[in-house]
Amino acid sequence: MDRRIVVFILTFLITSLAYAQENVTTFGIQVKPMINSKFFGTGASSVQEGDLTVSNNPQLGWNLGAVVRRGLTKNWSFETGINIVSRYYQMRIQYPELPEDEV
C-alpha cells in the first residue's frame, strides 16, 4: 500500500477520535531561543576552494510568534498564526590577497 494512503487513513482516524472545544477561541504567544547545534546540523561550517576559505558560524537567535485557534465543531478547529524569526551569523572570509582589516 502506498505510504501516502496509509498516512491519510491514520490521520483521518486520529482526527475522527479527537475532540476540539466547540465555539471557543484561544490565543497563544510563544517566545523561544534558536540555539545552534551540530546535533541538528546547524553548527559551524567551512568551505575551502583554492586559497579562499569561507567559514560560517551561526549565533544565538530568537523566534517570536502568535497563534489564534477557533473551535468550529466538536471534532474540528481552525488555527492560524504568524512567527518572526531572527537569526544571527558570524562569517569569516580568508584570502591571501585581502587585507585583514577589510574582512
PDB file of N, CA and C in Angstrom:
ATOM      1  N   MET A   1       0.846  -1.178   0.000  1.00  0.00           N
ATOM      2  CA  MET A   1       0.000   0.000   0.000  1.00  0.00           C
ATOM      3  C   MET A   1       0.893   1.244   0.000  1.00  0.00           C
ATOM      4  N   ASP A   2       0.474   2.240  -0.736  1.00  0.00           N
ATOM      5  CA  ASP A   2       1.257   3.471  -0.839  1.00  0.00           C
ATOM      6  C   ASP A   2       1.338   4.158   0.535  1.00  0.00           C
ATOM      7  N   ARG A   3       2.503   4.682   0.844  1.00  0.00           N
ATOM      8  CA  ARG A   3       2.739   5.301   2.154  1.00  0.00           C
ATOM      9  C   ARG A   3       1.824   6.500   2.382  1.00  0.00           C
ATOM     10  N   ARG A   4       1.559   7.279   1.331  1.00  0.00           N
ATOM     11  CA  ARG A   4       0.690   8.452   1.475  1.00  0.00           C
ATOM     12  C   ARG A   4      -0.736   8.053   1.843  1.00  0.00           C
ATOM     13  N   ILE A   5      -1.204   6.937   1.300  1.00  0.00           N
ATOM     14  CA  ILE A   5      -2.553   6.476   1.618  1.00  0.00           C
ATOM     15  C   ILE A   5      -2.632   6.047   3.080  1.00  0.00           C
ATOM     16  N   VAL A   6      -1.606   5.356   3.565  1.00  0.00           N
ATOM     17  CA  VAL A   6      -1.579   4.929   4.962  1.00  0.00           C
ATOM     18  C   VAL A   6      -1.576   6.147   5.886  1.00  0.00           C
ATOM     19  N   VAL A   7      -0.768   7.156   5.566  1.00  0.00           N
ATOM     20  CA  VAL A   7      -0.715   8.374   6.382  1.00  0.00           C
ATOM     21  C   VAL A   7      -2.073   9.072   6.363  1.00  0.00           C
ATOM     22  N   PHE A   8      -2.720   9.142   5.208  1.00  0.00           N
ATOM     23  CA  PHE A   8      -4.037   9.779   5.112  1.00  0.00           C
ATOM     24  C   PHE A   8      -5.065   9.041   5.960  1.00  0.00           C
ATOM     25  N   ILE A   9      -5.087   7.724   5.878  1.00  0.00           N
ATOM     26  CA  ILE A   9      -6.052   6.928   6.641  1.00  0.00           C
ATOM     27  C   ILE A   9      -5.812   7.097   8.150  1.00  0.00           C
ATOM     28  N   LEU A  10      -4.541   7.032   8.572  1.00  0.00           N
ATOM     29  CA  LEU A  10      -4.235   7.216  10.001  1.00  0.00           C
ATOM     30  C   LEU A  10      -4.623   8.609  10.481  1.00  0.00           C
ATOM     31  N   THR A  11      -4.350   9.625   9.675  1.00  0.00           N
ATOM     32  CA  THR A  11      -4.712  10.991  10.041  1.00  0.00           C
ATOM     33  C   THR A  11      -6.225  11.124  10.162  1.00  0.00           C
ATOM     34  N   PHE A  12      -6.953  10.552   9.234  1.00  0.00           N
ATOM     35  CA  PHE A  12      -8.416  10.604   9.290  1.00  0.00           C
ATOM     36  C   PHE A  12      -8.952   9.912  10.535  1.00  0.00           C
ATOM     37  N   LEU A  13      -8.409   8.737  10.859  1.00  0.00           N
ATOM     38  CA  LEU A  13      -8.863   8.004  12.044  1.00  0.00           C
ATOM     39  C   LEU A  13      -8.555   8.759  13.330  1.00  0.00           C
ATOM     40  N   ILE A  14      -7.378   9.337  13.417  1.00  0.00           N
ATOM     41  CA  ILE A  14      -6.987  10.070  14.624  1.00  0.00           C
ATOM     42  C   ILE A  14      -7.852  11.313  14.799  1.00  0.00           C
ATOM     43  N   THR A  15      -8.092  12.057  13.702  1.00  0.00           N
ATOM     44  CA  THR A  15      -8.905  13.277  13.822  1.00  0.00           C
ATOM     45  C   THR A  15     -10.362  12.964  14.102  1.00  0.00           C
ATOM     46  N   SER A  16     -10.850  11.807  13.660  1.00  0.00           N
ATOM     47  CA  SER A  16     -12.245  11.465  13.953  1.00  0.00           C
ATOM     48  C   SER A  16     -12.426  11.087  15.419  1.00  0.00           C
ATOM     49  N   LEU A  17     -11.363  10.667  16.106  1.00  0.00           N
ATOM     50  CA  LEU A  17     -11.439  10.329  17.519  1.00  0.00           C
ATOM     51  C   LEU A  17     -11.137  11.518  18.428  1.00  0.00           C
ATOM     52  N   ALA A  18     -10.544  12.558  17.884  1.00  0.00           N
ATOM     53  CA  ALA A  18     -10.160  13.722  18.679  1.00  0.00           C
ATOM     54  C   ALA A  18     -11.370  14.629  18.912  1.00  0.00           C
ATOM     55  N   TYR A  19     -11.319  15.373  19.990  1.00  0.00           N
ATOM     56  CA  TYR A  19     -12.396  16.299  20.306  1.00  0.00           C
ATOM     57  C   TYR A  19     -11.824  17.697  20.492  1.00  0.00           C
ATOM     58  N   ALA A  20     -12.400  18.647  19.781  1.00  0.00           N
ATOM     59  CA  ALA A  20     -11.991  20.043  19.910  1.00  0.00           C
ATOM     60  C   ALA A  20     -12.961  20.750  20.849  1.00  0.00           C
ATOM     61  N   GLN A  21     -12.669  21.965  21.199  1.00  0.00           N
ATOM     62  CA  GLN A  21     -13.565  22.755  22.027  1.00  0.00           C
ATOM     63  C   GLN A  21     -14.460  23.565  21.101  1.00  0.00           C
ATOM     64  N   GLU A  22     -15.718  23.257  21.082  1.00  0.00           N
ATOM     65  CA  GLU A  22     -16.664  23.877  20.165  1.00  0.00           C
ATOM     66  C   GLU A  22     -16.932  25.326  20.563  1.00  0.00           C
ATOM     67  N   ASN A  23     -16.893  26.220  19.574  1.00  0.00           N
ATOM     68  CA  ASN A  23     -17.189  27.650  19.742  1.00  0.00           C
ATOM     69  C   ASN A  23     -16.323  28.329  20.797  1.00  0.00           C
ATOM     70  N   VAL A  24     -15.065  27.910  20.910  1.00  0.00           N
ATOM     71  CA  VAL A  24     -14.124  28.532  21.842  1.00  0.00           C
ATOM     72  C   VAL A  24     -12.972  29.102  21.029  1.00  0.00           C
ATOM     73  N   THR A  25     -12.595  30.329  21.313  1.00  0.00           N
ATOM     74  CA  THR A  25     -11.453  30.961  20.644  1.00  0.00           C
ATOM     75  C   THR A  25     -10.332  31.132  21.661  1.00  0.00           C
ATOM     76  N   THR A  26      -9.140  30.679  21.300  1.00  0.00           N
ATOM     77  CA  THR A  26      -7.985  30.821  22.184  1.00  0.00           C
ATOM     78  C   THR A  26      -6.881  31.561  21.454  1.00  0.00           C
ATOM     79  N   PHE A  27      -6.019  32.216  22.214  1.00  0.00           N
ATOM     80  CA  PHE A  27      -4.908  32.988  21.681  1.00  0.00           C
ATOM     81  C   PHE A  27      -3.653  32.592  22.448  1.00  0.00           C
ATOM     82  N   GLY A  28      -2.574  32.367  21.728  1.00  0.00           N
ATOM     83  CA  GLY A  28      -1.334  31.989  22.384  1.00  0.00           C
ATOM     84  C   GLY A  28      -0.146  32.760  21.841  1.00  0.00           C
ATOM     85  N   ILE A  29       0.830  32.985  22.699  1.00  0.00           N
ATOM     86  CA  ILE A  29       2.069  33.675  22.325  1.00  0.00           C
ATOM     87  C   ILE A  29       3.227  32.738  22.648  1.00  0.00           C
ATOM     88  N   GLN A  30       4.208  32.711  21.756  1.00  0.00           N
ATOM     89  CA  GLN A  30       5.388  31.887  22.010  1.00  0.00           C
ATOM     90  C   GLN A  30       6.654  32.708  21.790  1.00  0.00           C
ATOM     91  N   VAL A  31       7.618  32.512  22.654  1.00  0.00           N
ATOM     92  CA  VAL A  31       8.945  33.102  22.532  1.00  0.00           C
ATOM     93  C   VAL A  31       9.922  31.981  22.837  1.00  0.00           C
ATOM     94  N   LYS A  32      10.828  31.718  21.902  1.00  0.00           N
ATOM     95  CA  LYS A  32      11.783  30.644  22.138  1.00  0.00           C
ATOM     96  C   LYS A  32      13.127  30.975  21.513  1.00  0.00           C
ATOM     97  N   PRO A  33      14.200  30.540  22.141  1.00  0.00           N
ATOM     98  CA  PRO A  33      15.532  30.782  21.580  1.00  0.00           C
ATOM     99  C   PRO A  33      15.825  29.801  20.452  1.00  0.00           C
ATOM    100  N   MET A  34      16.690  30.210  19.540  1.00  0.00           N
ATOM    101  CA  MET A  34      17.181  29.336  18.479  1.00  0.00           C
ATOM    102  C   MET A  34      18.655  29.098  18.767  1.00  0.00           C
ATOM    103  N   ILE A  35      18.969  27.889  19.164  1.00  0.00           N
ATOM    104  CA  ILE A  35      20.320  27.534  19.580  1.00  0.00           C
ATOM    105  C   ILE A  35      20.945  26.664  18.503  1.00  0.00           C
ATOM    106  N   ASN A  36      22.158  27.023  18.077  1.00  0.00           N
ATOM    107  CA  ASN A  36      22.833  26.208  17.061  1.00  0.00           C
ATOM    108  C   ASN A  36      23.422  24.958  17.705  1.00  0.00           C
ATOM    109  N   SER A  37      23.441  23.891  16.935  1.00  0.00           N
ATOM    110  CA  SER A  37      23.935  22.626  17.449  1.00  0.00           C
ATOM    111  C   SER A  37      24.354  21.746  16.284  1.00  0.00           C
ATOM    112  N   LYS A  38      25.515  21.116  16.405  1.00  0.00           N
ATOM    113  CA  LYS A  38      25.931  20.164  15.372  1.00  0.00           C
ATOM    114  C   LYS A  38      25.029  18.947  15.349  1.00  0.00           C
ATOM    115  N   PHE A  39      24.389  18.645  16.471  1.00  0.00           N
ATOM    116  CA  PHE A  39      23.482  17.505  16.550  1.00  0.00           C
ATOM    117  C   PHE A  39      22.336  17.650  15.550  1.00  0.00           C
ATOM    118  N   PHE A  40      21.828  18.878  15.379  1.00  0.00           N
ATOM    119  CA  PHE A  40      20.736  19.138  14.455  1.00  0.00           C
ATOM    120  C   PHE A  40      21.222  19.596  13.084  1.00  0.00           C
ATOM    121  N   GLY A  41      22.525  19.601  12.867  1.00  0.00           N
ATOM    122  CA  GLY A  41      23.069  20.018  11.577  1.00  0.00           C
ATOM    123  C   GLY A  41      23.091  21.519  11.378  1.00  0.00           C
ATOM    124  N   THR A  42      23.062  22.294  12.460  1.00  0.00           N
ATOM    125  CA  THR A  42      23.050  23.752  12.340  1.00  0.00           C
ATOM    126  C   THR A  42      24.307  24.380  12.931  1.00  0.00           C
ATOM    127  N   GLY A  43      25.352  23.604  13.075  1.00  0.00           N
ATOM    128  CA  GLY A  43      26.588  24.120  13.649  1.00  0.00           C
ATOM    129  C   GLY A  43      27.417  24.866  12.627  1.00  0.00           C
ATOM    130  N   ALA A  44      28.623  25.175  13.006  1.00  0.00           N
ATOM    131  CA  ALA A  44      29.545  25.914  12.141  1.00  0.00           C
ATOM    132  C   ALA A  44      29.878  25.097  10.892  1.00  0.00           C
ATOM    133  N   SER A  45      30.104  25.808   9.794  1.00  0.00           N
ATOM    134  CA  SER A  45      30.503  25.150   8.552  1.00  0.00           C
ATOM    135  C   SER A  45      31.600  25.969   7.885  1.00  0.00           C
ATOM    136  N   SER A  46      32.394  25.303   7.080  1.00  0.00           N
ATOM    137  CA  SER A  46      33.514  25.949   6.413  1.00  0.00           C
ATOM    138  C   SER A  46      33.688  25.332   5.030  1.00  0.00           C
ATOM    139  N   VAL A  47      34.011  26.193   4.047  1.00  0.00           N
ATOM    140  CA  VAL A  47      34.234  25.745   2.672  1.00  0.00           C
ATOM    141  C   VAL A  47      35.569  26.324   2.210  1.00  0.00           C
ATOM    142  N   GLN A  48      36.380  25.488   1.575  1.00  0.00           N
ATOM    143  CA  GLN A  48      37.666  25.949   1.065  1.00  0.00           C
ATOM    144  C   GLN A  48      37.746  25.625  -0.422  1.00  0.00           C
ATOM    145  N   GLU A  49      38.108  26.636  -1.201  1.00  0.00           N
ATOM    146  CA  GLU A  49      38.275  26.499  -2.653  1.00  0.00           C
ATOM    147  C   GLU A  49      39.577  27.202  -3.019  1.00  0.00           C
ATOM    148  N   GLY A  50      40.609  26.432  -3.251  1.00  0.00           N
ATOM    149  CA  GLY A  50      41.927  27.014  -3.526  1.00  0.00           C
ATOM    150  C   GLY A  50      42.442  27.740  -2.305  1.00  0.00           C
ATOM    151  N   ASP A  51      42.798  29.034  -2.477  1.00  0.00           N
ATOM    152  CA  ASP A  51      43.290  29.852  -1.359  1.00  0.00           C
ATOM    153  C   ASP A  51      42.161  30.510  -0.565  1.00  0.00           C
ATOM    154  N   LEU A  52      40.949  30.444  -1.067  1.00  0.00           N
ATOM    155  CA  LEU A  52      39.803  31.094  -0.419  1.00  0.00           C
ATOM    156  C   LEU A  52      39.169  30.153   0.602  1.00  0.00           C
ATOM    157  N   THR A  53      38.985  30.657   1.823  1.00  0.00           N
ATOM    158  CA  THR A  53      38.305  29.905   2.878  1.00  0.00           C
ATOM    159  C   THR A  53      37.174  30.763   3.421  1.00  0.00           C
ATOM    160  N   VAL A  54      35.967  30.206   3.421  1.00  0.00           N
ATOM    161  CA  VAL A  54      34.798  30.905   3.957  1.00  0.00           C
ATOM    162  C   VAL A  54      34.235  30.047   5.078  1.00  0.00           C
ATOM    163  N   SER A  55      34.093  30.638   6.261  1.00  0.00           N
ATOM    164  CA  SER A  55      33.522  29.918   7.394  1.00  0.00           C
ATOM    165  C   SER A  55      32.303  30.674   7.914  1.00  0.00           C
ATOM    166  N   ASN A  56      31.294  29.906   8.267  1.00  0.00           N
ATOM    167  CA  ASN A  56      30.029  30.448   8.733  1.00  0.00           C
ATOM    168  C   ASN A  56      29.732  29.850  10.108  1.00  0.00           C
ATOM    169  N   ASN A  57      29.469  30.715  11.079  1.00  0.00           N
ATOM    170  CA  ASN A  57      29.210  30.269  12.437  1.00  0.00           C
ATOM    171  C   ASN A  57      27.884  30.867  12.919  1.00  0.00           C
ATOM    172  N   PRO A  58      26.803  30.073  12.978  1.00  0.00           N
ATOM    173  CA  PRO A  58      25.530  30.613  13.457  1.00  0.00           C
ATOM    174  C   PRO A  58      25.604  30.970  14.945  1.00  0.00           C
ATOM    175  N   GLN A  59      24.972  32.069  15.286  1.00  0.00           N
ATOM    176  CA  GLN A  59      24.928  32.551  16.662  1.00  0.00           C
ATOM    177  C   GLN A  59      23.523  32.331  17.229  1.00  0.00           C
ATOM    178  N   LEU A  60      23.337  32.694  18.496  1.00  0.00           N
ATOM    179  CA  LEU A  60      22.043  32.580  19.150  1.00  0.00           C
ATOM    180  C   LEU A  60      21.031  33.502  18.472  1.00  0.00           C
ATOM    181  N   GLY A  61      19.817  33.024  18.261  1.00  0.00           N
ATOM    182  CA  GLY A  61      18.741  33.817  17.682  1.00  0.00           C
ATOM    183  C   GLY A  61      17.476  33.630  18.494  1.00  0.00           C
ATOM    184  N   TRP A  62      16.347  34.153  17.992  1.00  0.00           N
ATOM    185  CA  TRP A  62      15.099  34.012  18.709  1.00  0.00           C
ATOM    186  C   TRP A  62      13.933  33.875  17.739  1.00  0.00           C
ATOM    187  N   ASN A  63      12.834  33.373  18.254  1.00  0.00           N
ATOM    188  CA  ASN A  63      11.624  33.145  17.486  1.00  0.00           C
ATOM    189  C   ASN A  63      10.465  33.671  18.318  1.00  0.00           C
ATOM    190  N   LEU A  64       9.652  34.551  17.738  1.00  0.00           N
ATOM    191  CA  LEU A  64       8.516  35.151  18.426  1.00  0.00           C
ATOM    192  C   LEU A  64       7.279  34.917  17.568  1.00  0.00           C
ATOM    193  N   GLY A  65       6.188  34.474  18.167  1.00  0.00           N
ATOM    194  CA  GLY A  65       5.001  34.202  17.375  1.00  0.00           C
ATOM    195  C   GLY A  65       3.721  34.308  18.169  1.00  0.00           C
ATOM    196  N   ALA A  66       2.606  34.305  17.407  1.00  0.00           N
ATOM    197  CA  ALA A  66       1.276  34.339  17.999  1.00  0.00           C
ATOM    198  C   ALA A  66       0.377  33.386  17.215  1.00  0.00           C
ATOM    199  N   VAL A  67      -0.552  32.748  17.924  1.00  0.00           N
ATOM    200  CA  VAL A  67      -1.452  31.772  17.326  1.00  0.00           C
ATOM    201  C   VAL A  67      -2.875  32.054  17.802  1.00  0.00           C
ATOM    202  N   VAL A  68      -3.843  31.953  16.876  1.00  0.00           N
ATOM    203  CA  VAL A  68      -5.262  32.073  17.207  1.00  0.00           C
ATOM    204  C   VAL A  68      -5.929  30.765  16.787  1.00  0.00           C
ATOM    205  N   ARG A  69      -6.687  30.169  17.697  1.00  0.00           N
ATOM    206  CA  ARG A  69      -7.388  28.916  17.414  1.00  0.00           C
ATOM    207  C   ARG A  69      -8.877  29.105  17.680  1.00  0.00           C
ATOM    208  N   ARG A  70      -9.696  28.669  16.727  1.00  0.00           N
ATOM    209  CA  ARG A  70     -11.151  28.781  16.841  1.00  0.00           C
ATOM    210  C   ARG A  70     -11.768  27.394  16.719  1.00  0.00           C
ATOM    211  N   GLY A  71     -12.531  26.974  17.713  1.00  0.00           N
ATOM    212  CA  GLY A  71     -13.228  25.701  17.668  1.00  0.00           C
ATOM    213  C   GLY A  71     -14.447  25.800  16.768  1.00  0.00           C
ATOM    214  N   LEU A  72     -14.515  24.964  15.732  1.00  0.00           N
ATOM    215  CA  LEU A  72     -15.640  25.000  14.797  1.00  0.00           C
ATOM    216  C   LEU A  72     -16.742  24.029  15.203  1.00  0.00           C
ATOM    217  N   THR A  73     -16.378  22.778  15.370  1.00  0.00           N
ATOM    218  CA  THR A  73     -17.320  21.751  15.828  1.00  0.00           C
ATOM    219  C   THR A  73     -16.630  20.983  16.943  1.00  0.00           C
ATOM    220  N   LYS A  74     -17.269  19.901  17.408  1.00  0.00           N
ATOM    221  CA  LYS A  74     -16.618  19.141  18.473  1.00  0.00           C
ATOM    222  C   LYS A  74     -15.418  18.354  17.950  1.00  0.00           C
ATOM    223  N   ASN A  75     -15.289  18.180  16.646  1.00  0.00           N
ATOM    224  CA  ASN A  75     -14.167  17.435  16.060  1.00  0.00           C
ATOM    225  C   ASN A  75     -13.167  18.295  15.295  1.00  0.00           C
ATOM    226  N   TRP A  76     -13.513  19.521  14.975  1.00  0.00           N
ATOM    227  CA  TRP A  76     -12.636  20.335  14.117  1.00  0.00           C
ATOM    228  C   TRP A  76     -12.402  21.714  14.711  1.00  0.00           C
ATOM    229  N   SER A  77     -11.154  22.174  14.571  1.00  0.00           N
ATOM    230  CA  SER A  77     -10.762  23.533  14.949  1.00  0.00           C
ATOM    231  C   SER A  77      -9.954  24.139  13.814  1.00  0.00           C
ATOM    232  N   PHE A  78      -9.951  25.451  13.751  1.00  0.00           N
ATOM    233  CA  PHE A  78      -9.150  26.172  12.768  1.00  0.00           C
ATOM    234  C   PHE A  78      -8.089  26.949  13.529  1.00  0.00           C
ATOM    235  N   GLU A  79      -6.839  26.868  13.072  1.00  0.00           N
ATOM    236  CA  GLU A  79      -5.732  27.540  13.745  1.00  0.00           C
ATOM    237  C   GLU A  79      -4.892  28.290  12.722  1.00  0.00           C
ATOM    238  N   THR A  80      -4.536  29.498  13.056  1.00  0.00           N
ATOM    239  CA  THR A  80      -3.661  30.292  12.203  1.00  0.00           C
ATOM    240  C   THR A  80      -2.707  31.075  13.097  1.00  0.00           C
ATOM    241  N   GLY A  81      -1.583  31.483  12.528  1.00  0.00           N
ATOM    242  CA  GLY A  81      -0.613  32.224  13.325  1.00  0.00           C
ATOM    243  C   GLY A  81       0.468  32.848  12.467  1.00  0.00           C
ATOM    244  N   ILE A  82       1.330  33.571  13.131  1.00  0.00           N
ATOM    245  CA  ILE A  82       2.442  34.225  12.461  1.00  0.00           C
ATOM    246  C   ILE A  82       3.659  34.158  13.377  1.00  0.00           C
ATOM    247  N   ASN A  83       4.839  33.995  12.773  1.00  0.00           N
ATOM    248  CA  ASN A  83       6.089  33.923  13.527  1.00  0.00           C
ATOM    249  C   ASN A  83       7.114  34.865  12.931  1.00  0.00           C
ATOM    250  N   ILE A  84       7.952  35.402  13.773  1.00  0.00           N
ATOM    251  CA  ILE A  84       9.095  36.211  13.355  1.00  0.00           C
ATOM    252  C   ILE A  84      10.344  35.466  13.818  1.00  0.00           C
ATOM    253  N   VAL A  85      11.252  35.228  12.901  1.00  0.00           N
ATOM    254  CA  VAL A  85      12.482  34.510  13.218  1.00  0.00           C
ATOM    255  C   VAL A  85      13.656  35.457  12.988  1.00  0.00           C
ATOM    256  N   SER A  86      14.507  35.576  13.980  1.00  0.00           N
ATOM    257  CA  SER A  86      15.709  36.401  13.865  1.00  0.00           C
ATOM    258  C   SER A  86      16.912  35.523  14.185  1.00  0.00           C
ATOM    259  N   ARG A  87      17.791  35.390  13.220  1.00  0.00           N
ATOM    260  CA  ARG A  87      18.962  34.531  13.382  1.00  0.00           C
ATOM    261  C   ARG A  87      20.208  35.334  13.048  1.00  0.00           C
ATOM    262  N   TYR A  88      21.258  35.195  13.815  1.00  0.00           N
ATOM    263  CA  TYR A  88      22.496  35.930  13.623  1.00  0.00           C
ATOM    264  C   TYR A  88      23.614  34.968  13.232  1.00  0.00           C
ATOM    265  N   TYR A  89      24.503  35.443  12.359  1.00  0.00           N
ATOM    266  CA  TYR A  89      25.608  34.628  11.867  1.00  0.00           C
ATOM    267  C   TYR A  89      26.912  35.414  11.942  1.00  0.00           C
ATOM    268  N   GLN A  90      27.996  34.707  12.120  1.00  0.00           N
ATOM    269  CA  GLN A  90      29.330  35.296  12.037  1.00  0.00           C
ATOM    270  C   GLN A  90      30.018  34.634  10.847  1.00  0.00           C
ATOM    271  N   MET A  91      30.395  35.454   9.859  1.00  0.00           N
ATOM    272  CA  MET A  91      31.035  34.919   8.663  1.00  0.00           C
ATOM    273  C   MET A  91      32.472  35.449   8.583  1.00  0.00           C
ATOM    274  N   ARG A  92      33.379  34.561   8.240  1.00  0.00           N
ATOM    275  CA  ARG A  92      34.789  34.936   8.117  1.00  0.00           C
ATOM    276  C   ARG A  92      35.284  34.488   6.748  1.00  0.00           C
ATOM    277  N   ILE A  93      35.902  35.420   6.037  1.00  0.00           N
ATOM    278  CA  ILE A  93      36.466  35.140   4.712  1.00  0.00           C
ATOM    279  C   ILE A  93      37.968  35.334   4.790  1.00  0.00           C
ATOM    280  N   GLN A  94      38.708  34.297   4.412  1.00  0.00           N
ATOM    281  CA  GLN A  94      40.172  34.371   4.417  1.00  0.00           C
ATOM    282  C   GLN A  94      40.669  34.152   2.991  1.00  0.00           C
ATOM    283  N   TYR A  95      41.415  35.133   2.512  1.00  0.00           N
ATOM    284  CA  TYR A  95      42.021  35.059   1.186  1.00  0.00           C
ATOM    285  C   TYR A  95      43.351  35.796   1.262  1.00  0.00           C
ATOM    286  N   PRO A  96      44.438  35.210   0.792  1.00  0.00           N
ATOM    287  CA  PRO A  96      45.758  35.820   0.973  1.00  0.00           C
ATOM    288  C   PRO A  96      45.882  37.237   0.414  1.00  0.00           C
ATOM    289  N   GLU A  97      45.134  37.566  -0.626  1.00  0.00           N
ATOM    290  CA  GLU A  97      45.264  38.887  -1.248  1.00  0.00           C
ATOM    291  C   GLU A  97      44.403  39.946  -0.579  1.00  0.00           C
ATOM    292  N   LEU A  98      43.560  39.574   0.380  1.00  0.00           N
ATOM    293  CA  LEU A  98      42.734  40.534   1.073  1.00  0.00           C
ATOM    294  C   LEU A  98      43.413  40.956   2.380  1.00  0.00           C
ATOM    295  N   PRO A  99      43.443  42.258   2.672  1.00  0.00           N
ATOM    296  CA  PRO A  99      43.985  42.693   3.976  1.00  0.00           C
ATOM    297  C   PRO A  99      43.026  42.282   5.084  1.00  0.00           C
ATOM    298  N   GLU A 100      43.534  41.965   6.247  1.00  0.00           N
ATOM    299  CA  GLU A 100      42.723  41.513   7.371  1.00  0.00           C
ATOM    300  C   GLU A 100      41.754  42.570   7.860  1.00  0.00           C
ATOM    301  N   ASP A 101      42.108  43.862   7.754  1.00  0.00           N
ATOM    302  CA  ASP A 101      41.252  44.943   8.269  1.00  0.00           C
ATOM    303  C   ASP A 101      39.959  45.070   7.479  1.00  0.00           C
ATOM    304  N   GLU A 102      39.944  44.713   6.212  1.00  0.00           N
ATOM    305  CA  GLU A 102      38.770  44.908   5.377  1.00  0.00           C
ATOM    306  C   GLU A 102      37.847  43.706   5.351  1.00  0.00           C
ATOM    307  N   VAL A 103      38.201  42.648   6.047  1.00  0.00           N
ATOM    308  CA  VAL A 103      37.383  41.446   6.019  1.00  0.00           C
ATOM    309  C   VAL A 103      36.265  41.574   7.012  1.00  0.00           C
TER     310      VAL A 103
END
